[in-house]
Amino acid sequence: MVVLSKIYTKTGDAGETALGNGARVAKHSMRVSAYGTVDELNATLGLARLKTSGDTDAALSRIQNDLFDLGADMCRPDMEQDAEAEYPPLRMTKGQVERLEAEIDVMNKKLEPLRSFVLPGGSELAAHMHLCRTVARRAERLSVELATMEAVNPEAVKYLNRLSDWFFVASRIANDNGKNDVLWVPGANR
């Protein structure tokens, strides 16, 4: 259980922050940048949820919770010590990735195949989904870069990869199942 009785601690005033294992690192470290971008994605998704209801909102709620799981996973770099930890660290799982894949497959059945690239836009919700997609891609790039330097749970990277695909398909669903997608016309303004 998390209990926050005081919001500011002043422990980060010198440009460092604590990871989930208690280690202190620079706030500009690659790990903090990666999970900070996951947090940014979650905030961006919160804005998108202002335009949703029903099943779509429920799916986005699940994803927001997953993104907190992902942040918890990424702030614990010591994966090799998971078994010895007093409290087992929260790690992303294959099941979370597979759930996204199943949801993508269900949404994609409603769509005609693409014959052109899609420009971000159309409906307001579709534009929000595209913004979520691009922030998810940035979080993925940072996580992949981090994995070249330190241990990163491979399921976390897979989750971000699938999530950006999920947002792309959801953007098409938000554009009347792709009927109102804004299509790229190569060289249209030459």
N, C-alpha and C. Protein backbone atom coordinates (compact mmCIF):
# COMPACT_ATOMS: atom_id res chain seq x y z
N MET A 1 0.85 -1.18 0.00
CA MET A 1 0.00 0.00 0.00
C MET A 1 0.89 1.23 0.00
N VAL A 2 0.57 2.18 -0.84
CA VAL A 2 1.30 3.43 -0.91
C VAL A 2 0.63 4.44 0.01
N VAL A 3 1.43 5.10 0.83
CA VAL A 3 0.94 6.16 1.70
C VAL A 3 1.82 7.37 1.46
N LEU A 4 1.23 8.44 0.99
CA LEU A 4 1.97 9.69 0.74
C LEU A 4 1.42 10.75 1.68
N SER A 5 2.16 11.04 2.72
CA SER A 5 1.70 12.04 3.67
C SER A 5 2.34 13.40 3.39
N LYS A 6 3.45 13.38 2.66
CA LYS A 6 4.12 14.63 2.32
C LYS A 6 4.54 14.53 0.86
N ILE A 7 4.21 15.54 0.07
CA ILE A 7 4.47 15.48 -1.36
C ILE A 7 5.89 15.93 -1.69
N TYR A 8 6.37 16.96 -1.06
CA TYR A 8 7.74 17.37 -1.35
C TYR A 8 8.67 16.87 -0.25
N THR A 9 9.84 16.41 -0.69
CA THR A 9 10.81 15.84 0.25
C THR A 9 12.14 16.59 0.25
N LYS A 10 12.37 17.36 -0.79
CA LYS A 10 13.62 18.12 -0.99
C LYS A 10 14.81 17.22 -1.29
N THR A 11 14.59 15.89 -1.40
CA THR A 11 15.71 15.00 -1.67
C THR A 11 16.19 15.08 -3.12
N GLY A 12 15.40 15.67 -3.99
CA GLY A 12 15.79 15.80 -5.39
C GLY A 12 16.32 17.16 -5.76
N ASP A 13 16.51 18.02 -4.78
CA ASP A 13 16.93 19.40 -5.06
C ASP A 13 18.31 19.49 -5.69
N ALA A 14 19.14 18.47 -5.51
CA ALA A 14 20.49 18.50 -6.08
C ALA A 14 20.55 17.80 -7.43
N GLY A 15 19.38 17.47 -8.00
CA GLY A 15 19.36 16.87 -9.34
C GLY A 15 19.42 15.36 -9.35
N GLU A 16 19.16 14.73 -8.21
CA GLU A 16 19.12 13.27 -8.16
C GLU A 16 17.73 12.82 -7.72
N THR A 17 17.43 11.55 -8.01
CA THR A 17 16.19 10.94 -7.58
C THR A 17 16.47 9.51 -7.16
N ALA A 18 15.53 8.92 -6.43
CA ALA A 18 15.69 7.54 -5.98
C ALA A 18 14.97 6.59 -6.92
N LEU A 19 15.63 5.50 -7.25
CA LEU A 19 14.99 4.43 -8.00
C LEU A 19 14.20 3.55 -7.03
N GLY A 20 13.48 2.60 -7.56
CA GLY A 20 12.67 1.72 -6.74
C GLY A 20 13.45 0.84 -5.78
N ASN A 21 14.74 0.67 -6.07
CA ASN A 21 15.58 -0.13 -5.17
C ASN A 21 16.34 0.73 -4.16
N GLY A 22 16.05 2.04 -4.17
CA GLY A 22 16.70 2.96 -3.24
C GLY A 22 17.95 3.63 -3.77
N ALA A 23 18.49 3.14 -4.87
CA ALA A 23 19.69 3.76 -5.46
C ALA A 23 19.39 5.18 -5.91
N ARG A 24 20.35 6.06 -5.74
CA ARG A 24 20.21 7.45 -6.19
C ARG A 24 20.88 7.60 -7.55
N VAL A 25 20.17 8.25 -8.48
CA VAL A 25 20.70 8.50 -9.83
C VAL A 25 20.37 9.91 -10.24
N ALA A 26 21.09 10.40 -11.24
CA ALA A 26 20.81 11.72 -11.79
C ALA A 26 19.43 11.73 -12.44
N LYS A 27 18.72 12.83 -12.28
CA LYS A 27 17.38 12.93 -12.87
C LYS A 27 17.41 12.88 -14.39
N HIS A 28 18.58 13.13 -14.98
CA HIS A 28 18.69 13.06 -16.43
C HIS A 28 19.20 11.70 -16.91
N SER A 29 19.27 10.71 -16.01
CA SER A 29 19.74 9.38 -16.42
C SER A 29 18.79 8.79 -17.44
N MET A 30 19.31 7.88 -18.25
CA MET A 30 18.50 7.25 -19.29
C MET A 30 17.31 6.50 -18.68
N ARG A 31 17.50 5.85 -17.56
CA ARG A 31 16.40 5.11 -16.93
C ARG A 31 15.28 6.06 -16.51
N VAL A 32 15.64 7.17 -15.89
CA VAL A 32 14.63 8.14 -15.45
C VAL A 32 13.94 8.76 -16.67
N SER A 33 14.69 9.01 -17.73
CA SER A 33 14.09 9.54 -18.96
C SER A 33 13.09 8.55 -19.54
N ALA A 34 13.43 7.26 -19.51
CA ALA A 34 12.53 6.24 -20.08
C ALA A 34 11.25 6.13 -19.27
N TYR A 35 11.37 5.96 -17.95
CA TYR A 35 10.11 5.80 -17.20
C TYR A 35 9.40 7.13 -17.01
N GLY A 36 10.11 8.24 -17.10
CA GLY A 36 9.45 9.54 -17.09
C GLY A 36 8.60 9.75 -18.33
N THR A 37 9.06 9.22 -19.46
CA THR A 37 8.28 9.31 -20.69
C THR A 37 7.05 8.41 -20.61
N VAL A 38 7.15 7.28 -19.92
CA VAL A 38 5.98 6.44 -19.68
C VAL A 38 4.95 7.21 -18.85
N ASP A 39 5.43 7.98 -17.87
CA ASP A 39 4.53 8.81 -17.06
C ASP A 39 3.88 9.89 -17.94
N GLU A 40 4.66 10.50 -18.82
CA GLU A 40 4.12 11.49 -19.75
C GLU A 40 3.04 10.86 -20.63
N LEU A 41 3.29 9.65 -21.10
CA LEU A 41 2.29 8.93 -21.90
C LEU A 41 1.01 8.74 -21.10
N ASN A 42 1.14 8.38 -19.83
CA ASN A 42 -0.03 8.17 -19.00
C ASN A 42 -0.84 9.47 -18.85
N ALA A 43 -0.15 10.59 -18.69
CA ALA A 43 -0.84 11.88 -18.60
C ALA A 43 -1.53 12.23 -19.92
N THR A 44 -0.87 11.94 -21.02
CA THR A 44 -1.45 12.19 -22.34
C THR A 44 -2.69 11.33 -22.54
N LEU A 45 -2.62 10.10 -22.07
CA LEU A 45 -3.75 9.20 -22.15
C LEU A 45 -4.91 9.69 -21.28
N GLY A 46 -4.58 10.30 -20.14
CA GLY A 46 -5.62 10.88 -19.29
C GLY A 46 -6.41 11.94 -20.03
N LEU A 47 -5.75 12.73 -20.85
CA LEU A 47 -6.45 13.73 -21.68
C LEU A 47 -7.35 13.04 -22.70
N ALA A 48 -6.85 12.00 -23.32
CA ALA A 48 -7.64 11.28 -24.33
C ALA A 48 -8.91 10.71 -23.70
N ARG A 49 -8.80 10.25 -22.46
CA ARG A 49 -9.96 9.65 -21.80
C ARG A 49 -11.10 10.64 -21.57
N LEU A 50 -10.82 11.93 -21.64
CA LEU A 50 -11.89 12.92 -21.53
C LEU A 50 -12.87 12.80 -22.69
N LYS A 51 -12.45 12.13 -23.76
CA LYS A 51 -13.27 12.00 -24.97
C LYS A 51 -13.82 10.59 -25.16
N THR A 52 -13.73 9.74 -24.11
CA THR A 52 -14.16 8.36 -24.27
C THR A 52 -15.25 7.99 -23.28
N SER A 53 -15.86 6.85 -23.55
CA SER A 53 -16.85 6.27 -22.63
C SER A 53 -16.92 4.78 -22.93
N GLY A 54 -17.66 4.07 -22.12
CA GLY A 54 -17.94 2.65 -22.37
C GLY A 54 -16.70 1.79 -22.47
N ASP A 55 -16.72 0.88 -23.45
CA ASP A 55 -15.64 -0.09 -23.62
C ASP A 55 -14.30 0.57 -23.92
N THR A 56 -14.33 1.65 -24.70
CA THR A 56 -13.07 2.34 -25.02
C THR A 56 -12.46 2.92 -23.75
N ASP A 57 -13.28 3.55 -22.93
CA ASP A 57 -12.77 4.12 -21.69
C ASP A 57 -12.25 3.02 -20.76
N ALA A 58 -12.94 1.90 -20.71
CA ALA A 58 -12.49 0.78 -19.87
C ALA A 58 -11.14 0.26 -20.34
N ALA A 59 -10.96 0.15 -21.65
CA ALA A 59 -9.67 -0.31 -22.19
C ALA A 59 -8.56 0.68 -21.86
N LEU A 60 -8.85 1.97 -21.99
CA LEU A 60 -7.84 2.99 -21.69
C LEU A 60 -7.53 3.03 -20.19
N SER A 61 -8.52 2.75 -19.37
CA SER A 61 -8.29 2.66 -17.93
C SER A 61 -7.32 1.51 -17.61
N ARG A 62 -7.53 0.35 -18.26
CA ARG A 62 -6.61 -0.78 -18.07
C ARG A 62 -5.20 -0.41 -18.50
N ILE A 63 -5.11 0.29 -19.63
CA ILE A 63 -3.78 0.69 -20.13
C ILE A 63 -3.13 1.66 -19.16
N GLN A 64 -3.88 2.61 -18.62
CA GLN A 64 -3.29 3.54 -17.65
C GLN A 64 -2.73 2.78 -16.45
N ASN A 65 -3.46 1.81 -15.97
CA ASN A 65 -2.96 1.02 -14.84
C ASN A 65 -1.70 0.25 -15.24
N ASP A 66 -1.71 -0.33 -16.46
CA ASP A 66 -0.52 -1.01 -16.97
C ASP A 66 0.67 -0.08 -17.02
N LEU A 67 0.44 1.18 -17.40
CA LEU A 67 1.54 2.13 -17.50
C LEU A 67 2.16 2.42 -16.14
N PHE A 68 1.35 2.39 -15.08
CA PHE A 68 1.93 2.51 -13.73
C PHE A 68 2.74 1.26 -13.41
N ASP A 69 2.23 0.08 -13.80
CA ASP A 69 3.01 -1.16 -13.63
C ASP A 69 4.34 -1.04 -14.38
N LEU A 70 4.28 -0.51 -15.59
CA LEU A 70 5.48 -0.37 -16.41
C LEU A 70 6.49 0.57 -15.76
N GLY A 71 6.01 1.69 -15.22
CA GLY A 71 6.90 2.61 -14.52
C GLY A 71 7.53 1.95 -13.31
N ALA A 72 6.73 1.17 -12.57
CA ALA A 72 7.26 0.45 -11.40
C ALA A 72 8.32 -0.55 -11.83
N ASP A 73 8.09 -1.22 -12.94
CA ASP A 73 9.06 -2.18 -13.47
C ASP A 73 10.36 -1.45 -13.84
N MET A 74 10.23 -0.37 -14.58
CA MET A 74 11.42 0.31 -15.10
C MET A 74 12.23 1.02 -14.02
N CYS A 75 11.60 1.36 -12.90
CA CYS A 75 12.37 2.06 -11.86
C CYS A 75 13.14 1.08 -10.97
N ARG A 76 13.04 -0.22 -11.26
CA ARG A 76 13.78 -1.26 -10.52
C ARG A 76 14.79 -1.90 -11.47
N PRO A 77 16.02 -1.41 -11.52
CA PRO A 77 16.99 -1.92 -12.48
C PRO A 77 17.59 -3.28 -12.12
N ASP A 78 17.44 -3.72 -10.91
CA ASP A 78 18.13 -4.91 -10.42
C ASP A 78 17.34 -6.18 -10.65
N MET A 79 17.02 -6.49 -11.90
CA MET A 79 16.18 -7.65 -12.22
C MET A 79 16.79 -8.95 -11.71
N GLU A 80 18.11 -9.06 -11.73
CA GLU A 80 18.76 -10.29 -11.29
C GLU A 80 18.57 -10.54 -9.79
N GLN A 81 18.18 -9.52 -9.06
CA GLN A 81 17.97 -9.66 -7.61
C GLN A 81 16.49 -9.75 -7.24
N ASP A 82 15.62 -9.91 -8.21
CA ASP A 82 14.18 -9.96 -7.95
C ASP A 82 13.80 -11.03 -6.92
N ALA A 83 14.39 -12.22 -7.05
CA ALA A 83 14.02 -13.33 -6.15
C ALA A 83 14.41 -13.06 -4.70
N GLU A 84 15.43 -12.23 -4.50
CA GLU A 84 15.92 -11.96 -3.15
C GLU A 84 15.28 -10.73 -2.51
N ALA A 85 14.49 -9.99 -3.28
CA ALA A 85 13.90 -8.76 -2.77
C ALA A 85 12.89 -9.05 -1.65
N GLU A 86 12.84 -8.16 -0.67
CA GLU A 86 11.88 -8.31 0.43
C GLU A 86 10.45 -8.34 -0.10
N TYR A 87 10.18 -7.45 -1.05
CA TYR A 87 8.89 -7.42 -1.73
C TYR A 87 9.18 -7.65 -3.21
N PRO A 88 8.59 -8.69 -3.81
CA PRO A 88 8.87 -8.95 -5.22
C PRO A 88 8.51 -7.74 -6.07
N PRO A 89 9.43 -7.27 -6.90
CA PRO A 89 9.15 -6.12 -7.77
C PRO A 89 8.04 -6.44 -8.78
N LEU A 90 7.31 -5.43 -9.14
CA LEU A 90 6.27 -5.55 -10.14
C LEU A 90 6.94 -5.55 -11.51
N ARG A 91 6.71 -6.56 -12.30
CA ARG A 91 7.28 -6.66 -13.64
C ARG A 91 6.16 -6.84 -14.66
N MET A 92 6.35 -6.27 -15.83
CA MET A 92 5.41 -6.47 -16.93
C MET A 92 5.47 -7.94 -17.35
N THR A 93 4.33 -8.45 -17.82
CA THR A 93 4.24 -9.86 -18.16
C THR A 93 3.84 -10.07 -19.61
N LYS A 94 4.11 -11.27 -20.07
CA LYS A 94 3.70 -11.67 -21.42
C LYS A 94 2.19 -11.54 -21.58
N GLY A 95 1.44 -11.84 -20.51
CA GLY A 95 -0.02 -11.75 -20.57
C GLY A 95 -0.51 -10.34 -20.88
N GLN A 96 0.18 -9.33 -20.36
CA GLN A 96 -0.22 -7.95 -20.64
C GLN A 96 0.01 -7.61 -22.11
N VAL A 97 1.09 -8.11 -22.67
CA VAL A 97 1.38 -7.91 -24.10
C VAL A 97 0.32 -8.64 -24.93
N GLU A 98 0.02 -9.88 -24.56
CA GLU A 98 -0.96 -10.67 -25.31
C GLU A 98 -2.35 -10.05 -25.25
N ARG A 99 -2.71 -9.43 -24.12
CA ARG A 99 -4.01 -8.76 -24.04
C ARG A 99 -4.09 -7.63 -25.06
N LEU A 100 -3.02 -6.84 -25.18
CA LEU A 100 -3.01 -5.77 -26.19
C LEU A 100 -3.17 -6.35 -27.59
N GLU A 101 -2.45 -7.43 -27.87
CA GLU A 101 -2.54 -8.05 -29.19
C GLU A 101 -3.96 -8.51 -29.49
N ALA A 102 -4.61 -9.13 -28.52
CA ALA A 102 -5.99 -9.59 -28.71
C ALA A 102 -6.92 -8.41 -28.96
N GLU A 103 -6.73 -7.32 -28.22
CA GLU A 103 -7.58 -6.14 -28.41
C GLU A 103 -7.33 -5.50 -29.78
N ILE A 104 -6.08 -5.47 -30.21
CA ILE A 104 -5.76 -4.95 -31.54
C ILE A 104 -6.48 -5.79 -32.60
N ASP A 105 -6.42 -7.11 -32.47
CA ASP A 105 -7.05 -7.99 -33.45
C ASP A 105 -8.55 -7.76 -33.54
N VAL A 106 -9.21 -7.58 -32.40
CA VAL A 106 -10.65 -7.32 -32.39
C VAL A 106 -10.95 -5.99 -33.08
N MET A 107 -10.20 -4.95 -32.73
CA MET A 107 -10.44 -3.63 -33.35
C MET A 107 -10.17 -3.67 -34.85
N ASN A 108 -9.09 -4.36 -35.23
CA ASN A 108 -8.65 -4.35 -36.62
C ASN A 108 -9.65 -5.04 -37.54
N LYS A 109 -10.46 -5.96 -37.02
CA LYS A 109 -11.47 -6.65 -37.83
C LYS A 109 -12.53 -5.69 -38.34
N LYS A 110 -12.70 -4.55 -37.68
CA LYS A 110 -13.70 -3.56 -38.07
C LYS A 110 -13.20 -2.63 -39.18
N LEU A 111 -11.91 -2.74 -39.54
CA LEU A 111 -11.28 -1.79 -40.44
C LEU A 111 -10.97 -2.39 -41.81
N GLU A 112 -11.11 -1.55 -42.82
CA GLU A 112 -10.64 -1.92 -44.15
C GLU A 112 -9.12 -1.78 -44.18
N PRO A 113 -8.44 -2.57 -45.01
CA PRO A 113 -6.98 -2.42 -45.11
C PRO A 113 -6.61 -1.01 -45.57
N LEU A 114 -5.48 -0.54 -45.10
CA LEU A 114 -5.00 0.78 -45.50
C LEU A 114 -4.41 0.74 -46.90
N ARG A 115 -4.63 1.81 -47.65
CA ARG A 115 -4.06 1.94 -48.98
C ARG A 115 -3.12 3.16 -49.04
N SER A 116 -2.98 3.82 -47.90
CA SER A 116 -2.12 4.98 -47.79
C SER A 116 -1.76 5.14 -46.32
N PHE A 117 -0.71 5.90 -46.04
CA PHE A 117 -0.41 6.24 -44.66
C PHE A 117 -1.47 7.20 -44.14
N VAL A 118 -1.70 7.16 -42.83
CA VAL A 118 -2.71 7.99 -42.20
C VAL A 118 -2.03 9.17 -41.52
N LEU A 119 -2.55 10.36 -41.76
CA LEU A 119 -2.05 11.55 -41.08
C LEU A 119 -2.75 11.66 -39.72
N PRO A 120 -2.04 12.12 -38.71
CA PRO A 120 -2.67 12.27 -37.39
C PRO A 120 -3.82 13.28 -37.48
N GLY A 121 -4.99 12.88 -37.06
CA GLY A 121 -6.13 13.79 -37.07
C GLY A 121 -7.42 13.06 -37.36
N GLY A 122 -8.35 13.80 -37.89
CA GLY A 122 -9.70 13.28 -38.09
C GLY A 122 -10.55 13.77 -36.94
N SER A 123 -11.02 12.86 -36.11
CA SER A 123 -11.79 13.26 -34.94
C SER A 123 -10.86 13.70 -33.82
N GLU A 124 -11.44 14.37 -32.83
CA GLU A 124 -10.63 14.82 -31.69
C GLU A 124 -10.01 13.63 -30.95
N LEU A 125 -10.80 12.57 -30.76
CA LEU A 125 -10.27 11.39 -30.09
C LEU A 125 -9.16 10.74 -30.91
N ALA A 126 -9.32 10.67 -32.22
CA ALA A 126 -8.28 10.09 -33.07
C ALA A 126 -6.98 10.89 -32.94
N ALA A 127 -7.08 12.21 -32.90
CA ALA A 127 -5.89 13.04 -32.74
C ALA A 127 -5.21 12.75 -31.40
N HIS A 128 -6.00 12.57 -30.35
CA HIS A 128 -5.43 12.22 -29.04
C HIS A 128 -4.75 10.85 -29.09
N MET A 129 -5.37 9.89 -29.79
CA MET A 129 -4.78 8.55 -29.90
C MET A 129 -3.45 8.60 -30.65
N HIS A 130 -3.38 9.46 -31.68
CA HIS A 130 -2.12 9.61 -32.42
C HIS A 130 -1.04 10.24 -31.52
N LEU A 131 -1.42 11.19 -30.70
CA LEU A 131 -0.45 11.77 -29.78
C LEU A 131 0.04 10.71 -28.79
N CYS A 132 -0.87 9.91 -28.27
CA CYS A 132 -0.47 8.80 -27.38
C CYS A 132 0.47 7.85 -28.11
N ARG A 133 0.17 7.56 -29.37
CA ARG A 133 1.01 6.66 -30.17
C ARG A 133 2.44 7.19 -30.27
N THR A 134 2.58 8.48 -30.53
CA THR A 134 3.93 9.02 -30.72
C THR A 134 4.70 9.08 -29.40
N VAL A 135 4.02 9.37 -28.30
CA VAL A 135 4.69 9.37 -27.00
C VAL A 135 5.08 7.94 -26.62
N ALA A 136 4.22 6.97 -26.94
CA ALA A 136 4.55 5.56 -26.69
C ALA A 136 5.78 5.15 -27.49
N ARG A 137 5.88 5.59 -28.73
CA ARG A 137 7.07 5.27 -29.56
C ARG A 137 8.33 5.89 -28.95
N ARG A 138 8.21 7.11 -28.44
CA ARG A 138 9.38 7.74 -27.81
C ARG A 138 9.79 6.96 -26.56
N ALA A 139 8.81 6.56 -25.75
CA ALA A 139 9.12 5.76 -24.56
C ALA A 139 9.78 4.45 -24.97
N GLU A 140 9.31 3.86 -26.04
CA GLU A 140 9.92 2.61 -26.53
C GLU A 140 11.36 2.85 -26.97
N ARG A 141 11.60 3.91 -27.74
CA ARG A 141 12.97 4.20 -28.19
C ARG A 141 13.92 4.39 -27.01
N LEU A 142 13.46 5.14 -26.00
CA LEU A 142 14.30 5.36 -24.82
C LEU A 142 14.55 4.06 -24.06
N SER A 143 13.54 3.21 -23.98
CA SER A 143 13.68 1.93 -23.30
C SER A 143 14.64 1.01 -24.04
N VAL A 144 14.56 1.01 -25.36
CA VAL A 144 15.48 0.20 -26.17
C VAL A 144 16.91 0.72 -26.00
N GLU A 145 17.07 2.03 -25.99
CA GLU A 145 18.40 2.60 -25.78
C GLU A 145 18.92 2.24 -24.38
N LEU A 146 18.06 2.34 -23.37
CA LEU A 146 18.45 1.97 -22.02
C LEU A 146 18.89 0.51 -21.97
N ALA A 147 18.20 -0.36 -22.70
CA ALA A 147 18.52 -1.79 -22.69
C ALA A 147 19.91 -2.09 -23.27
N THR A 148 20.49 -1.14 -24.02
CA THR A 148 21.85 -1.34 -24.51
C THR A 148 22.88 -1.06 -23.42
N MET A 149 22.44 -0.44 -22.30
CA MET A 149 23.34 -0.05 -21.22
C MET A 149 23.08 -0.81 -19.93
N GLU A 150 21.80 -1.12 -19.66
CA GLU A 150 21.39 -1.71 -18.39
C GLU A 150 20.30 -2.74 -18.65
N ALA A 151 20.03 -3.55 -17.64
CA ALA A 151 18.97 -4.55 -17.75
C ALA A 151 17.60 -3.88 -17.83
N VAL A 152 16.81 -4.33 -18.78
CA VAL A 152 15.42 -3.88 -18.93
C VAL A 152 14.59 -5.12 -19.20
N ASN A 153 13.45 -5.22 -18.57
CA ASN A 153 12.55 -6.34 -18.78
C ASN A 153 12.11 -6.34 -20.25
N PRO A 154 12.41 -7.41 -21.01
CA PRO A 154 12.01 -7.45 -22.42
C PRO A 154 10.50 -7.30 -22.63
N GLU A 155 9.70 -7.76 -21.67
CA GLU A 155 8.24 -7.63 -21.80
C GLU A 155 7.82 -6.17 -21.72
N ALA A 156 8.58 -5.34 -21.02
CA ALA A 156 8.27 -3.91 -20.95
C ALA A 156 8.44 -3.27 -22.32
N VAL A 157 9.51 -3.64 -23.01
CA VAL A 157 9.76 -3.09 -24.35
C VAL A 157 8.69 -3.60 -25.32
N LYS A 158 8.36 -4.89 -25.24
CA LYS A 158 7.32 -5.45 -26.11
C LYS A 158 5.98 -4.74 -25.86
N TYR A 159 5.69 -4.49 -24.60
CA TYR A 159 4.43 -3.83 -24.26
C TYR A 159 4.35 -2.46 -24.94
N LEU A 160 5.42 -1.68 -24.85
CA LEU A 160 5.42 -0.35 -25.48
C LEU A 160 5.27 -0.46 -26.99
N ASN A 161 5.91 -1.46 -27.58
CA ASN A 161 5.81 -1.65 -29.03
C ASN A 161 4.36 -1.94 -29.42
N ARG A 162 3.72 -2.88 -28.72
CA ARG A 162 2.32 -3.21 -29.02
C ARG A 162 1.40 -2.05 -28.71
N LEU A 163 1.71 -1.32 -27.64
CA LEU A 163 0.84 -0.22 -27.24
C LEU A 163 0.76 0.85 -28.32
N SER A 164 1.88 1.18 -28.94
CA SER A 164 1.81 2.19 -30.01
C SER A 164 0.96 1.67 -31.17
N ASP A 165 1.05 0.37 -31.46
CA ASP A 165 0.17 -0.21 -32.48
C ASP A 165 -1.30 -0.13 -32.05
N TRP A 166 -1.56 -0.40 -30.76
CA TRP A 166 -2.91 -0.33 -30.22
C TRP A 166 -3.48 1.07 -30.44
N PHE A 167 -2.68 2.10 -30.11
CA PHE A 167 -3.15 3.48 -30.28
C PHE A 167 -3.41 3.80 -31.75
N PHE A 168 -2.58 3.27 -32.66
CA PHE A 168 -2.81 3.53 -34.08
C PHE A 168 -4.15 2.95 -34.52
N VAL A 169 -4.39 1.70 -34.17
CA VAL A 169 -5.66 1.07 -34.56
C VAL A 169 -6.82 1.78 -33.88
N ALA A 170 -6.66 2.15 -32.61
CA ALA A 170 -7.72 2.87 -31.91
C ALA A 170 -8.00 4.23 -32.55
N SER A 171 -6.98 4.87 -33.11
CA SER A 171 -7.20 6.15 -33.79
C SER A 171 -8.08 5.95 -35.02
N ARG A 172 -7.90 4.84 -35.72
CA ARG A 172 -8.73 4.55 -36.89
C ARG A 172 -10.16 4.23 -36.47
N ILE A 173 -10.31 3.50 -35.36
CA ILE A 173 -11.65 3.21 -34.84
C ILE A 173 -12.35 4.53 -34.49
N ALA A 174 -11.61 5.46 -33.90
CA ALA A 174 -12.17 6.76 -33.51
C ALA A 174 -12.54 7.61 -34.72
N ASN A 175 -12.00 7.27 -35.87
CA ASN A 175 -12.36 7.97 -37.12
C ASN A 175 -13.41 7.17 -37.89
N ASP A 176 -14.49 6.81 -37.18
CA ASP A 176 -15.60 6.07 -37.77
C ASP A 176 -15.09 4.82 -38.48
N ASN A 177 -14.36 4.01 -37.71
CA ASN A 177 -13.79 2.76 -38.22
C ASN A 177 -12.98 2.96 -39.50
N GLY A 178 -12.22 4.04 -39.53
CA GLY A 178 -11.33 4.32 -40.65
C GLY A 178 -11.95 5.10 -41.78
N LYS A 179 -13.27 5.26 -41.77
CA LYS A 179 -13.94 5.96 -42.88
C LYS A 179 -13.55 7.44 -42.94
N ASN A 180 -13.20 8.02 -41.79
CA ASN A 180 -12.83 9.44 -41.75
C ASN A 180 -11.34 9.64 -41.47
N ASP A 181 -10.54 8.61 -41.76
CA ASP A 181 -9.09 8.79 -41.64
C ASP A 181 -8.63 9.88 -42.60
N VAL A 182 -7.63 10.62 -42.17
CA VAL A 182 -7.02 11.63 -43.03
C VAL A 182 -5.83 10.96 -43.69
N LEU A 183 -5.91 10.75 -44.99
CA LEU A 183 -4.87 10.00 -45.70
C LEU A 183 -3.80 10.91 -46.27
N TRP A 184 -2.60 10.43 -46.23
CA TRP A 184 -1.46 11.13 -46.82
C TRP A 184 -1.56 11.02 -48.33
N VAL A 185 -1.36 12.14 -49.01
CA VAL A 185 -1.31 12.17 -50.46
C VAL A 185 0.12 12.59 -50.83
N PRO A 186 0.95 11.64 -51.20
CA PRO A 186 2.36 11.95 -51.48
C PRO A 186 2.51 13.03 -52.55
N GLY A 187 3.30 14.03 -52.24
CA GLY A 187 3.59 15.11 -53.19
C GLY A 187 2.41 15.99 -53.52
N ALA A 188 1.37 16.01 -52.74
CA ALA A 188 0.15 16.76 -53.07
C ALA A 188 0.38 18.25 -53.19
N ASN A 189 1.37 18.78 -52.54
CA ASN A 189 1.55 20.24 -52.52
C ASN A 189 2.79 20.70 -53.26
N ARG A 190 3.25 19.91 -54.19
CA ARG A 190 4.43 20.31 -54.97
C ARG A 190 4.08 21.41 -55.94
